PDB file of N, CA and C in Angstrom:
ATOM      1  N   MET A   1       1.870  -6.337 -26.180  1.00  0.00           N
ATOM      2  CA  MET A   1       1.817  -6.453 -24.736  1.00  0.00           C
ATOM      3  C   MET A   1       0.431  -6.950 -24.322  1.00  0.00           C
ATOM      4  N   GLU A   2       0.419  -7.910 -23.437  1.00  0.00           N
ATOM      5  CA  GLU A   2      -0.831  -8.489 -22.977  1.00  0.00           C
ATOM      6  C   GLU A   2      -1.518  -7.580 -21.967  1.00  0.00           C
ATOM      7  N   ASN A   3      -2.827  -7.630 -21.976  1.00  0.00           N
ATOM      8  CA  ASN A   3      -3.594  -6.910 -20.976  1.00  0.00           C
ATOM      9  C   ASN A   3      -3.593  -7.753 -19.707  1.00  0.00           C
ATOM     10  N   ILE A   4      -3.013  -7.235 -18.648  1.00  0.00           N
ATOM     11  CA  ILE A   4      -2.871  -8.008 -17.411  1.00  0.00           C
ATOM     12  C   ILE A   4      -4.221  -8.398 -16.827  1.00  0.00           C
ATOM     13  N   TYR A   5      -5.247  -7.602 -17.108  1.00  0.00           N
ATOM     14  CA  TYR A   5      -6.578  -7.900 -16.589  1.00  0.00           C
ATOM     15  C   TYR A   5      -7.219  -9.101 -17.278  1.00  0.00           C
ATOM     16  N   MET A   6      -6.687  -9.461 -18.416  1.00  0.00           N
ATOM     17  CA  MET A   6      -7.217 -10.607 -19.148  1.00  0.00           C
ATOM     18  C   MET A   6      -6.551 -11.915 -18.707  1.00  0.00           C
ATOM     19  N   LEU A   7      -5.479 -11.831 -17.936  1.00  0.00           N
ATOM     20  CA  LEU A   7      -4.761 -13.021 -17.495  1.00  0.00           C
ATOM     21  C   LEU A   7      -5.353 -13.573 -16.203  1.00  0.00           C
ATOM     22  N   ALA A   8      -5.294 -14.881 -16.060  1.00  0.00           N
ATOM     23  CA  ALA A   8      -5.704 -15.519 -14.810  1.00  0.00           C
ATOM     24  C   ALA A   8      -4.642 -15.233 -13.746  1.00  0.00           C
ATOM     25  N   ASP A   9      -5.032 -15.323 -12.488  1.00  0.00           N
ATOM     26  CA  ASP A   9      -4.095 -15.068 -11.397  1.00  0.00           C
ATOM     27  C   ASP A   9      -2.867 -15.975 -11.484  1.00  0.00           C
ATOM     28  N   ALA A  10      -3.088 -17.233 -11.802  1.00  0.00           N
ATOM     29  CA  ALA A  10      -1.979 -18.192 -11.898  1.00  0.00           C
ATOM     30  C   ALA A  10      -1.006 -17.779 -13.007  1.00  0.00           C
ATOM     31  N   ALA A  11      -1.528 -17.264 -14.110  1.00  0.00           N
ATOM     32  CA  ALA A  11      -0.669 -16.835 -15.219  1.00  0.00           C
ATOM     33  C   ALA A  11       0.160 -15.614 -14.814  1.00  0.00           C
ATOM     34  N   ILE A  12      -0.448 -14.723 -14.065  1.00  0.00           N
ATOM     35  CA  ILE A  12       0.293 -13.543 -13.588  1.00  0.00           C
ATOM     36  C   ILE A  12       1.421 -13.979 -12.656  1.00  0.00           C
ATOM     37  N   CYS A  13       1.112 -14.902 -11.747  1.00  0.00           N
ATOM     38  CA  CYS A  13       2.137 -15.406 -10.825  1.00  0.00           C
ATOM     39  C   CYS A  13       3.265 -16.099 -11.583  1.00  0.00           C
ATOM     40  N   GLN A  14       2.922 -16.831 -12.641  1.00  0.00           N
ATOM     41  CA  GLN A  14       3.940 -17.507 -13.455  1.00  0.00           C
ATOM     42  C   GLN A  14       4.861 -16.484 -14.113  1.00  0.00           C
ATOM     43  N   LYS A  15       4.267 -15.414 -14.636  1.00  0.00           N
ATOM     44  CA  LYS A  15       5.065 -14.369 -15.285  1.00  0.00           C
ATOM     45  C   LYS A  15       5.977 -13.669 -14.279  1.00  0.00           C
ATOM     46  N   ILE A  16       5.455 -13.385 -13.092  1.00  0.00           N
ATOM     47  CA  ILE A  16       6.266 -12.742 -12.051  1.00  0.00           C
ATOM     48  C   ILE A  16       7.416 -13.655 -11.654  1.00  0.00           C
ATOM     49  N   GLY A  17       7.103 -14.928 -11.433  1.00  0.00           N
ATOM     50  CA  GLY A  17       8.143 -15.897 -11.072  1.00  0.00           C
ATOM     51  C   GLY A  17       9.219 -16.006 -12.132  1.00  0.00           C
ATOM     52  N   GLY A  18       8.813 -16.019 -13.390  1.00  0.00           N
ATOM     53  CA  GLY A  18       9.786 -16.090 -14.483  1.00  0.00           C
ATOM     54  C   GLY A  18      10.681 -14.860 -14.541  1.00  0.00           C
ATOM     55  N   LYS A  19      10.090 -13.694 -14.325  1.00  0.00           N
ATOM     56  CA  LYS A  19      10.882 -12.452 -14.325  1.00  0.00           C
ATOM     57  C   LYS A  19      11.879 -12.433 -13.168  1.00  0.00           C
ATOM     58  N   LEU A  20      11.446 -12.921 -12.012  1.00  0.00           N
ATOM     59  CA  LEU A  20      12.354 -12.965 -10.868  1.00  0.00           C
ATOM     60  C   LEU A  20      13.500 -13.941 -11.114  1.00  0.00           C
ATOM     61  N   LYS A  21      13.197 -15.054 -11.753  1.00  0.00           N
ATOM     62  CA  LYS A  21      14.247 -16.023 -12.081  1.00  0.00           C
ATOM     63  C   LYS A  21      15.253 -15.403 -13.054  1.00  0.00           C
ATOM     64  N   GLN A  22      14.737 -14.693 -14.070  1.00  0.00           N
ATOM     65  CA  GLN A  22      15.624 -14.021 -15.022  1.00  0.00           C
ATOM     66  C   GLN A  22      16.514 -13.003 -14.314  1.00  0.00           C
ATOM     67  N   ALA A  23      15.932 -12.232 -13.397  1.00  0.00           N
ATOM     68  CA  ALA A  23      16.705 -11.226 -12.664  1.00  0.00           C
ATOM     69  C   ALA A  23      17.776 -11.894 -11.811  1.00  0.00           C
ATOM     70  N   ARG A  24      17.429 -13.005 -11.176  1.00  0.00           N
ATOM     71  CA  ARG A  24      18.399 -13.729 -10.351  1.00  0.00           C
ATOM     72  C   ARG A  24      19.546 -14.258 -11.195  1.00  0.00           C
ATOM     73  N   LEU A  25      19.223 -14.872 -12.336  1.00  0.00           N
ATOM     74  CA  LEU A  25      20.262 -15.419 -13.202  1.00  0.00           C
ATOM     75  C   LEU A  25      21.126 -14.318 -13.820  1.00  0.00           C
ATOM     76  N   LYS A  26      20.505 -13.213 -14.162  1.00  0.00           N
ATOM     77  CA  LYS A  26      21.238 -12.082 -14.740  1.00  0.00           C
ATOM     78  C   LYS A  26      22.270 -11.536 -13.752  1.00  0.00           C
ATOM     79  N   GLN A  27      21.929 -11.610 -12.454  1.00  0.00           N
ATOM     80  CA  GLN A  27      22.841 -11.134 -11.420  1.00  0.00           C
ATOM     81  C   GLN A  27      23.781 -12.233 -10.929  1.00  0.00           C
ATOM     82  N   ASN A  28      23.678 -13.423 -11.576  1.00  0.00           N
ATOM     83  CA  ASN A  28      24.537 -14.563 -11.258  1.00  0.00           C
ATOM     84  C   ASN A  28      24.419 -14.972  -9.782  1.00  0.00           C
ATOM     85  N   ILE A  29      23.184 -15.063  -9.312  1.00  0.00           N
ATOM     86  CA  ILE A  29      22.909 -15.440  -7.929  1.00  0.00           C
ATOM     87  C   ILE A  29      22.258 -16.821  -7.942  1.00  0.00           C
ATOM     88  N   THR A  30      22.726 -17.704  -7.066  1.00  0.00           N
ATOM     89  CA  THR A  30      22.110 -19.029  -6.967  1.00  0.00           C
ATOM     90  C   THR A  30      20.832 -18.937  -6.138  1.00  0.00           C
ATOM     91  N   GLN A  31      19.981 -19.926  -6.317  1.00  0.00           N
ATOM     92  CA  GLN A  31      18.753 -19.968  -5.528  1.00  0.00           C
ATOM     93  C   GLN A  31      19.081 -20.038  -4.034  1.00  0.00           C
ATOM     94  N   GLN A  32      20.098 -20.813  -3.712  1.00  0.00           N
ATOM     95  CA  GLN A  32      20.484 -20.979  -2.309  1.00  0.00           C
ATOM     96  C   GLN A  32      20.955 -19.661  -1.703  1.00  0.00           C
ATOM     97  N   SER A  33      21.814 -18.943  -2.422  1.00  0.00           N
ATOM     98  CA  SER A  33      22.318 -17.682  -1.869  1.00  0.00           C
ATOM     99  C   SER A  33      21.212 -16.621  -1.797  1.00  0.00           C
ATOM    100  N   LEU A  34      20.278 -16.654  -2.742  1.00  0.00           N
ATOM    101  CA  LEU A  34      19.141 -15.738  -2.686  1.00  0.00           C
ATOM    102  C   LEU A  34      18.276 -16.052  -1.476  1.00  0.00           C
ATOM    103  N   ALA A  35      18.052 -17.338  -1.240  1.00  0.00           N
ATOM    104  CA  ALA A  35      17.255 -17.753  -0.085  1.00  0.00           C
ATOM    105  C   ALA A  35      17.899 -17.281   1.213  1.00  0.00           C
ATOM    106  N   GLU A  36      19.211 -17.427   1.323  1.00  0.00           N
ATOM    107  CA  GLU A  36      19.918 -17.003   2.530  1.00  0.00           C
ATOM    108  C   GLU A  36      19.868 -15.485   2.696  1.00  0.00           C
ATOM    109  N   ALA A  37      20.089 -14.761   1.623  1.00  0.00           N
ATOM    110  CA  ALA A  37      20.085 -13.300   1.690  1.00  0.00           C
ATOM    111  C   ALA A  37      18.697 -12.748   2.005  1.00  0.00           C
ATOM    112  N   ALA A  38      17.667 -13.399   1.475  1.00  0.00           N
ATOM    113  CA  ALA A  38      16.295 -12.932   1.687  1.00  0.00           C
ATOM    114  C   ALA A  38      15.692 -13.508   2.968  1.00  0.00           C
ATOM    115  N   ASP A  39      16.415 -14.401   3.617  1.00  0.00           N
ATOM    116  CA  ASP A  39      15.961 -15.045   4.846  1.00  0.00           C
ATOM    117  C   ASP A  39      14.650 -15.811   4.628  1.00  0.00           C
ATOM    118  N   VAL A  40      14.618 -16.544   3.514  1.00  0.00           N
ATOM    119  CA  VAL A  40      13.497 -17.435   3.223  1.00  0.00           C
ATOM    120  C   VAL A  40      14.079 -18.805   2.886  1.00  0.00           C
ATOM    121  N   SER A  41      13.239 -19.814   2.841  1.00  0.00           N
ATOM    122  CA  SER A  41      13.725 -21.163   2.548  1.00  0.00           C
ATOM    123  C   SER A  41      14.008 -21.319   1.053  1.00  0.00           C
ATOM    124  N   LEU A  42      14.869 -22.274   0.756  1.00  0.00           N
ATOM    125  CA  LEU A  42      15.181 -22.584  -0.635  1.00  0.00           C
ATOM    126  C   LEU A  42      13.914 -23.036  -1.367  1.00  0.00           C
ATOM    127  N   SER A  43      13.071 -23.797  -0.701  1.00  0.00           N
ATOM    128  CA  SER A  43      11.837 -24.253  -1.348  1.00  0.00           C
ATOM    129  C   SER A  43      10.918 -23.079  -1.669  1.00  0.00           C
ATOM    130  N   SER A  44      10.953 -22.024  -0.842  1.00  0.00           N
ATOM    131  CA  SER A  44      10.150 -20.824  -1.136  1.00  0.00           C
ATOM    132  C   SER A  44      10.634 -20.154  -2.412  1.00  0.00           C
ATOM    133  N   ILE A  45      11.950 -20.090  -2.586  1.00  0.00           N
ATOM    134  CA  ILE A  45      12.514 -19.486  -3.801  1.00  0.00           C
ATOM    135  C   ILE A  45      12.084 -20.297  -5.023  1.00  0.00           C
ATOM    136  N   LYS A  46      12.183 -21.615  -4.920  1.00  0.00           N
ATOM    137  CA  LYS A  46      11.797 -22.472  -6.037  1.00  0.00           C
ATOM    138  C   LYS A  46      10.317 -22.305  -6.365  1.00  0.00           C
ATOM    139  N   LYS A  47       9.485 -22.241  -5.335  1.00  0.00           N
ATOM    140  CA  LYS A  47       8.045 -22.067  -5.555  1.00  0.00           C
ATOM    141  C   LYS A  47       7.745 -20.711  -6.196  1.00  0.00           C
ATOM    142  N   ILE A  48       8.379 -19.663  -5.692  1.00  0.00           N
ATOM    143  CA  ILE A  48       8.150 -18.325  -6.248  1.00  0.00           C
ATOM    144  C   ILE A  48       8.527 -18.296  -7.722  1.00  0.00           C
ATOM    145  N   GLU A  49       9.672 -18.877  -8.059  1.00  0.00           N
ATOM    146  CA  GLU A  49      10.126 -18.892  -9.455  1.00  0.00           C
ATOM    147  C   GLU A  49       9.227 -19.753 -10.339  1.00  0.00           C
ATOM    148  N   ASN A  50       8.507 -20.689  -9.752  1.00  0.00           N
ATOM    149  CA  ASN A  50       7.564 -21.512 -10.510  1.00  0.00           C
ATOM    150  C   ASN A  50       6.164 -20.905 -10.533  1.00  0.00           C
ATOM    151  N   GLY A  51       6.026 -19.715  -9.962  1.00  0.00           N
ATOM    152  CA  GLY A  51       4.736 -19.036  -9.989  1.00  0.00           C
ATOM    153  C   GLY A  51       3.820 -19.383  -8.837  1.00  0.00           C
ATOM    154  N   GLU A  52       4.345 -20.035  -7.831  1.00  0.00           N
ATOM    155  CA  GLU A  52       3.558 -20.394  -6.653  1.00  0.00           C
ATOM    156  C   GLU A  52       3.913 -19.426  -5.520  1.00  0.00           C
ATOM    157  N   ILE A  53       3.391 -18.214  -5.614  1.00  0.00           N
ATOM    158  CA  ILE A  53       3.713 -17.179  -4.639  1.00  0.00           C
ATOM    159  C   ILE A  53       2.735 -17.302  -3.480  1.00  0.00           C
ATOM    160  N   GLY A  54       3.186 -17.962  -2.411  1.00  0.00           N
ATOM    161  CA  GLY A  54       2.308 -18.221  -1.281  1.00  0.00           C
ATOM    162  C   GLY A  54       2.361 -17.158  -0.210  1.00  0.00           C
ATOM    163  N   SER A  55       3.479 -16.448  -0.136  1.00  0.00           N
ATOM    164  CA  SER A  55       3.654 -15.467   0.922  1.00  0.00           C
ATOM    165  C   SER A  55       4.105 -14.133   0.331  1.00  0.00           C
ATOM    166  N   PHE A  56       3.313 -13.116   0.590  1.00  0.00           N
ATOM    167  CA  PHE A  56       3.668 -11.785   0.102  1.00  0.00           C
ATOM    168  C   PHE A  56       4.944 -11.298   0.785  1.00  0.00           C
ATOM    169  N   ASP A  57       5.114 -11.667   2.050  1.00  0.00           N
ATOM    170  CA  ASP A  57       6.310 -11.296   2.796  1.00  0.00           C
ATOM    171  C   ASP A  57       7.567 -11.858   2.122  1.00  0.00           C
ATOM    172  N   SER A  58       7.511 -13.121   1.730  1.00  0.00           N
ATOM    173  CA  SER A  58       8.653 -13.742   1.043  1.00  0.00           C
ATOM    174  C   SER A  58       8.919 -13.059  -0.295  1.00  0.00           C
ATOM    175  N   LEU A  59       7.847 -12.738  -1.004  1.00  0.00           N
ATOM    176  CA  LEU A  59       7.994 -12.044  -2.285  1.00  0.00           C
ATOM    177  C   LEU A  59       8.676 -10.689  -2.090  1.00  0.00           C
ATOM    178  N   LEU A  60       8.259  -9.950  -1.072  1.00  0.00           N
ATOM    179  CA  LEU A  60       8.884  -8.647  -0.787  1.00  0.00           C
ATOM    180  C   LEU A  60      10.376  -8.799  -0.493  1.00  0.00           C
ATOM    181  N   ARG A  61      10.719  -9.799   0.275  1.00  0.00           N
ATOM    182  CA  ARG A  61      12.134 -10.021   0.620  1.00  0.00           C
ATOM    183  C   ARG A  61      12.969 -10.339  -0.620  1.00  0.00           C
ATOM    184  N   VAL A  62      12.410 -11.175  -1.494  1.00  0.00           N
ATOM    185  CA  VAL A  62      13.122 -11.541  -2.728  1.00  0.00           C
ATOM    186  C   VAL A  62      13.264 -10.315  -3.630  1.00  0.00           C
ATOM    187  N   LEU A  63      12.193  -9.547  -3.774  1.00  0.00           N
ATOM    188  CA  LEU A  63      12.251  -8.332  -4.593  1.00  0.00           C
ATOM    189  C   LEU A  63      13.315  -7.370  -4.064  1.00  0.00           C
ATOM    190  N   ARG A  64      13.375  -7.233  -2.746  1.00  0.00           N
ATOM    191  CA  ARG A  64      14.364  -6.326  -2.153  1.00  0.00           C
ATOM    192  C   ARG A  64      15.792  -6.766  -2.465  1.00  0.00           C
ATOM    193  N   ILE A  65      16.070  -8.047  -2.304  1.00  0.00           N
ATOM    194  CA  ILE A  65      17.427  -8.560  -2.547  1.00  0.00           C
ATOM    195  C   ILE A  65      17.797  -8.440  -4.020  1.00  0.00           C
ATOM    196  N   LEU A  66      16.842  -8.667  -4.913  1.00  0.00           N
ATOM    197  CA  LEU A  66      17.129  -8.584  -6.348  1.00  0.00           C
ATOM    198  C   LEU A  66      17.122  -7.145  -6.862  1.00  0.00           C
ATOM    199  N   GLY A  67      16.807  -6.190  -6.010  1.00  0.00           N
ATOM    200  CA  GLY A  67      16.785  -4.789  -6.429  1.00  0.00           C
ATOM    201  C   GLY A  67      15.573  -4.453  -7.287  1.00  0.00           C
ATOM    202  N   LYS A  68      14.497  -5.184  -7.103  1.00  0.00           N
ATOM    203  CA  LYS A  68      13.291  -4.986  -7.915  1.00  0.00           C
ATOM    204  C   LYS A  68      12.112  -4.457  -7.091  1.00  0.00           C
ATOM    205  N   LEU A  69      12.373  -4.002  -5.896  1.00  0.00           N
ATOM    206  CA  LEU A  69      11.307  -3.513  -5.030  1.00  0.00           C
ATOM    207  C   LEU A  69      10.634  -2.273  -5.596  1.00  0.00           C
ATOM    208  N   ASP A  70      11.327  -1.577  -6.487  1.00  0.00           N
ATOM    209  CA  ASP A  70      10.766  -0.348  -7.074  1.00  0.00           C
ATOM    210  C   ASP A  70       9.523  -0.608  -7.928  1.00  0.00           C
ATOM    211  N   VAL A  71       9.268  -1.857  -8.298  1.00  0.00           N
ATOM    212  CA  VAL A  71       8.051  -2.137  -9.073  1.00  0.00           C
ATOM    213  C   VAL A  71       6.795  -1.875  -8.245  1.00  0.00           C
ATOM    214  N   LEU A  72       6.954  -1.842  -6.926  1.00  0.00           N
ATOM    215  CA  LEU A  72       5.822  -1.586  -6.038  1.00  0.00           C
ATOM    216  C   LEU A  72       5.709  -0.115  -5.646  1.00  0.00           C
ATOM    217  N   GLN A  73       6.609   0.707  -6.137  1.00  0.00           N
ATOM    218  CA  GLN A  73       6.639   2.128  -5.781  1.00  0.00           C
ATOM    219  C   GLN A  73       5.290   2.834  -5.972  1.00  0.00           C
ATOM    220  N   PRO A  74       4.596   2.627  -7.085  1.00  0.00           N
ATOM    221  CA  PRO A  74       3.307   3.319  -7.250  1.00  0.00           C
ATOM    222  C   PRO A  74       2.276   2.969  -6.177  1.00  0.00           C
ATOM    223  N   LEU A  75       2.429   1.814  -5.568  1.00  0.00           N
ATOM    224  CA  LEU A  75       1.465   1.405  -4.548  1.00  0.00           C
ATOM    225  C   LEU A  75       1.705   2.066  -3.192  1.00  0.00           C
ATOM    226  N   VAL A  76       2.915   2.564  -2.965  1.00  0.00           N
ATOM    227  CA  VAL A  76       3.231   3.149  -1.660  1.00  0.00           C
ATOM    228  C   VAL A  76       3.423   4.664  -1.710  1.00  0.00           C
ATOM    229  N   GLU A  77       3.389   5.243  -2.890  1.00  0.00           N
ATOM    230  CA  GLU A  77       3.563   6.691  -3.005  1.00  0.00           C
ATOM    231  C   GLU A  77       2.306   7.419  -2.572  1.00  0.00           C
ATOM    232  N   GLU A  78       2.519   8.568  -1.974  1.00  0.00           N
ATOM    233  CA  GLU A  78       1.396   9.441  -1.647  1.00  0.00           C
ATOM    234  C   GLU A  78       0.973  10.138  -2.928  1.00  0.00           C
ATOM    235  N   GLU A  79      -0.314  10.290  -3.090  1.00  0.00           N
ATOM    236  CA  GLU A  79      -0.826  10.941  -4.289  1.00  0.00           C
ATOM    237  C   GLU A  79      -0.552  12.438  -4.202  1.00  0.00           C
ATOM    238  N   GLN A  80      -0.041  13.001  -5.284  1.00  0.00           N
ATOM    239  CA  GLN A  80       0.264  14.434  -5.333  1.00  0.00           C
ATOM    240  C   GLN A  80      -1.015  15.225  -5.545  1.00  0.00           C
ATOM    241  N   LEU A  81      -1.136  16.319  -4.798  1.00  0.00           N
ATOM    242  CA  LEU A  81      -2.288  17.194  -4.980  1.00  0.00           C
ATOM    243  C   LEU A  81      -2.012  18.183  -6.096  1.00  0.00           C
ATOM    244  N   SER A  82      -3.031  18.459  -6.877  1.00  0.00           N
ATOM    245  CA  SER A  82      -2.903  19.497  -7.895  1.00  0.00           C
ATOM    246  C   SER A  82      -2.920  20.841  -7.172  1.00  0.00           C
ATOM    247  N   PRO A  83      -2.452  21.915  -7.815  1.00  0.00           N
ATOM    248  CA  PRO A  83      -2.490  23.228  -7.167  1.00  0.00           C
ATOM    249  C   PRO A  83      -3.899  23.624  -6.724  1.00  0.00           C
ATOM    250  N   ASN A  84      -4.900  23.300  -7.535  1.00  0.00           N
ATOM    251  CA  ASN A  84      -6.279  23.617  -7.159  1.00  0.00           C
ATOM    252  C   ASN A  84      -6.722  22.825  -5.930  1.00  0.00           C
ATOM    253  N   GLU A  85      -6.365  21.539  -5.880  1.00  0.00           N
ATOM    254  CA  GLU A  85      -6.730  20.718  -4.733  1.00  0.00           C
ATOM    255  C   GLU A  85      -6.052  21.228  -3.465  1.00  0.00           C
ATOM    256  N   TYR A  86      -4.784  21.626  -3.602  1.00  0.00           N
ATOM    257  CA  TYR A  86      -4.042  22.146  -2.451  1.00  0.00           C
ATOM    258  C   TYR A  86      -4.680  23.443  -1.959  1.00  0.00           C
ATOM    259  N   TYR A  87      -5.020  24.334  -2.877  1.00  0.00           N
ATOM    260  CA  TYR A  87      -5.654  25.607  -2.531  1.00  0.00           C
ATOM    261  C   TYR A  87      -6.967  25.356  -1.801  1.00  0.00           C
ATOM    262  N   ASN A  88      -7.780  24.470  -2.350  1.00  0.00           N
ATOM    263  CA  ASN A  88      -9.067  24.159  -1.723  1.00  0.00           C
ATOM    264  C   ASN A  88      -8.885  23.541  -0.338  1.00  0.00           C
ATOM    265  N   LEU A  89      -7.884  22.700  -0.190  1.00  0.00           N
ATOM    266  CA  LEU A  89      -7.623  22.068   1.094  1.00  0.00           C
ATOM    267  C   LEU A  89      -7.216  23.099   2.139  1.00  0.00           C
ATOM    268  N   VAL A  90      -6.313  23.995   1.753  1.00  0.00           N
ATOM    269  CA  VAL A  90      -5.833  25.025   2.680  1.00  0.00           C
ATOM    270  C   VAL A  90      -6.963  25.972   3.057  1.00  0.00           C
ATOM    271  N   HIS A  91      -7.732  26.388   2.067  1.00  0.00           N
ATOM    272  CA  HIS A  91      -8.782  27.362   2.336  1.00  0.00           C
ATOM    273  C   HIS A  91     -10.000  26.753   3.023  1.00  0.00           C
ATOM    274  N   SER A  92     -10.216  25.481   2.852  1.00  0.00           N
ATOM    275  CA  SER A  92     -11.334  24.861   3.571  1.00  0.00           C
ATOM    276  C   SER A  92     -10.999  24.749   5.053  1.00  0.00           C
ATOM    277  N   ALA A  93      -9.721  24.598   5.368  1.00  0.00           N
ATOM    278  CA  ALA A  93      -9.312  24.535   6.770  1.00  0.00           C
ATOM    279  C   ALA A  93      -9.441  25.904   7.431  1.00  0.00           C
ATOM    280  N   LYS A  94      -9.260  26.961   6.648  1.00  0.00           N
ATOM    281  CA  LYS A  94      -9.352  28.320   7.178  1.00  0.00           C
ATOM    282  C   LYS A  94     -10.790  28.838   7.202  1.00  0.00           C
ATOM    283  N   ALA A  95     -11.677  28.113   6.559  1.00  0.00           N
ATOM    284  CA  ALA A  95     -13.066  28.580   6.480  1.00  0.00           C
ATOM    285  C   ALA A  95     -13.636  28.717   7.882  1.00  0.00           C
ATOM    286  N   LYS A  96     -14.463  29.722   8.019  1.00  0.00           N
ATOM    287  CA  LYS A  96     -15.050  29.955   9.333  1.00  0.00           C
ATOM    288  C   LYS A  96     -15.975  28.805   9.691  1.00  0.00           C
ATOM    289  N   THR A  97     -15.845  28.418  10.916  1.00  0.00           N
ATOM    290  CA  THR A  97     -16.747  27.386  11.394  1.00  0.00           C
ATOM    291  C   THR A  97     -17.950  28.053  12.024  1.00  0.00           C
ATOM    292  N   ARG A  98     -19.000  27.357  12.057  1.00  0.00           N
ATOM    293  CA  ARG A  98     -20.233  27.895  12.608  1.00  0.00           C
ATOM    294  C   ARG A  98     -20.028  28.186  14.083  1.00  0.00           C
ATOM    295  N   GLN A  99     -20.418  29.357  14.485  1.00  0.00           N
ATOM    296  CA  GLN A  99     -20.233  29.723  15.881  1.00  0.00           C
ATOM    297  C   GLN A  99     -21.548  29.587  16.624  1.00  0.00           C
ATOM    298  N   ARG A 100     -21.425  29.230  17.845  1.00  0.00           N
ATOM    299  CA  ARG A 100     -22.594  29.087  18.689  1.00  0.00           C
ATOM    300  C   ARG A 100     -22.764  30.360  19.517  1.00  0.00           C
ATOM    301  N   ALA A 101     -23.981  30.574  19.920  1.00  0.00           N
ATOM    302  CA  ALA A 101     -24.273  31.727  20.760  1.00  0.00           C
ATOM    303  C   ALA A 101     -23.572  31.566  22.103  1.00  0.00           C
ATOM    304  N   VAL A 102     -23.084  32.667  22.646  1.00  0.00           N
ATOM    305  CA  VAL A 102     -22.383  32.599  23.915  1.00  0.00           C
ATOM    306  C   VAL A 102     -23.141  33.324  25.019  1.00  0.00           C
ATOM    307  N   GLY A 103     -24.255  33.917  24.667  1.00  0.00           N
ATOM    308  CA  GLY A 103     -25.037  34.628  25.681  1.00  0.00           C
ATOM    309  C   GLY A 103     -25.619  33.667  26.695  1.00  0.00           C
ATOM    310  N   LYS A 104     -25.764  34.156  27.915  1.00  0.00           N
ATOM    311  CA  LYS A 104     -26.315  33.315  28.972  1.00  0.00           C
ATOM    312  C   LYS A 104     -27.785  33.631  29.156  1.00  0.00           C
ATOM    313  N   ILE A 105     -28.490  32.623  29.506  1.00  0.00           N
ATOM    314  CA  ILE A 105     -29.907  32.790  29.784  1.00  0.00           C
ATOM    315  C   ILE A 105     -30.054  32.942  31.290  1.00  0.00           C
ATOM    316  N   ASP A 106     -30.718  34.028  31.669  1.00  0.00           N
ATOM    317  CA  ASP A 106     -30.945  34.222  33.100  1.00  0.00           C
ATOM    318  C   ASP A 106     -31.962  33.209  33.566  1.00  0.00           C
ATOM    319  N   LYS A 107     -31.650  32.620  34.691  1.00  0.00           N
ATOM    320  CA  LYS A 107     -32.575  31.643  35.241  1.00  0.00           C
ATOM    321  C   LYS A 107     -33.765  32.374  35.839  1.00  0.00           C
ATOM    322  N   VAL A 108     -34.896  31.955  35.449  1.00  0.00           N
ATOM    323  CA  VAL A 108     -36.135  32.515  35.989  1.00  0.00           C
ATOM    324  C   VAL A 108     -36.605  31.543  37.050  1.00  0.00           C
ATOM    325  N   GLU A 109     -36.828  32.103  38.200  1.00  0.00           N
ATOM    326  CA  GLU A 109     -37.266  31.217  39.272  1.00  0.00           C
ATOM    327  C   GLU A 109     -38.666  30.737  38.980  1.00  0.00           C
ATOM    328  N   LYS A 110     -38.826  29.465  39.071  1.00  0.00           N
ATOM    329  CA  LYS A 110     -40.111  28.862  38.790  1.00  0.00           C
ATOM    330  C   LYS A 110     -40.968  28.875  40.053  1.00  0.00           C
ATOM    331  N   GLU A 111     -42.214  29.139  39.818  1.00  0.00           N
ATOM    332  CA  GLU A 111     -43.127  29.064  40.940  1.00  0.00           C
ATOM    333  C   GLU A 111     -43.524  27.612  41.136  1.00  0.00           C
ATOM    334  N   ASP A 112     -43.675  27.282  42.356  1.00  0.00           N
ATOM    335  CA  ASP A 112     -44.117  25.899  42.618  1.00  0.00           C
ATOM    336  C   ASP A 112     -45.541  25.750  42.123  1.00  0.00           C
ATOM    337  N   SER A 113     -45.728  24.726  41.395  1.00  0.00           N
ATOM    338  CA  SER A 113     -47.035  24.456  40.833  1.00  0.00           C
ATOM    339  C   SER A 113     -47.835  23.654  41.852  1.00  0.00           C
ATOM    340  N   GLU A 114     -49.136  23.805  41.806  1.00  0.00           N
ATOM    341  CA  GLU A 114     -49.977  23.076  42.730  1.00  0.00           C
ATOM    342  C   GLU A 114     -50.361  21.714  42.172  1.00  0.00           C
ATOM    343  N   TRP A 115     -49.870  21.388  41.107  1.00  0.00           N
ATOM    344  CA  TRP A 115     -50.205  20.103  40.508  1.00  0.00           C
ATOM    345  C   TRP A 115     -49.588  19.026  41.287  1.00  0.00           C
TER     346      TRP A 115
END
């Protein structure tokens, strides 16, 4: 397995496009019908499959129609807190906050200065 960090951006896009093409063909879907279902142009589908991913929105639509949107799941999941992190979070919210003095200061009448 190749290290994705060692690949150029264009190579990654080519691999993604190839995988999407394989998924489309495996599901026996034409480029035209995929374009219509995803509400993108036929030329966008052809470009995506050739590794020219110009629009993230179009890519999301194609992934959704092909049932491959789950590849992005780790990017949208909320991070789970460990029990210790949860405990610390709950107890830090309950921690006493610094209180300010509530006593009033009696006003002392000032004498008029001759200055």
